Amino acid sequence: MILTTLALSAALLQSGADALVANALEISSPAGSYITYFHADGTYTSNVGIEGTWEIHGDEICVQRTTGESGCAPLQANAMLGDSWEGTNAATGETVTYTIVPR
């Protein structure tokens, strides 16, 4: 189990998701914003009670909420702390701004 977790963690970090794991992702829309914390073990939590699992597929980050909703959203290549980009929220379908922020 420990080796599987370590292998998964290494694969996620090598996939370009290291900025997400080291920091956090703010998801903003006209209705408001929240912060998502991605963990190297493939889980995520947020400051609004949303949680689930995540993985990288090509240039997208795909999430599966514990409540059942799922989807993929664009992930900016080589994103670093402070970078922002627009896309569609994987769970709600609305256009949002993603920003990498400090944990």
Foldseek 3Di string as FASTA:
>chain_A
DVVVQVVQLVVQCVVQCVQQQQFWKWKADPVGIWIKHAHSSQKIAIPVGWIFGWDDDPQWIWTATPVGFIAIWGHDHNDHAQDKDWIADGRPRDIIIMHTHGD
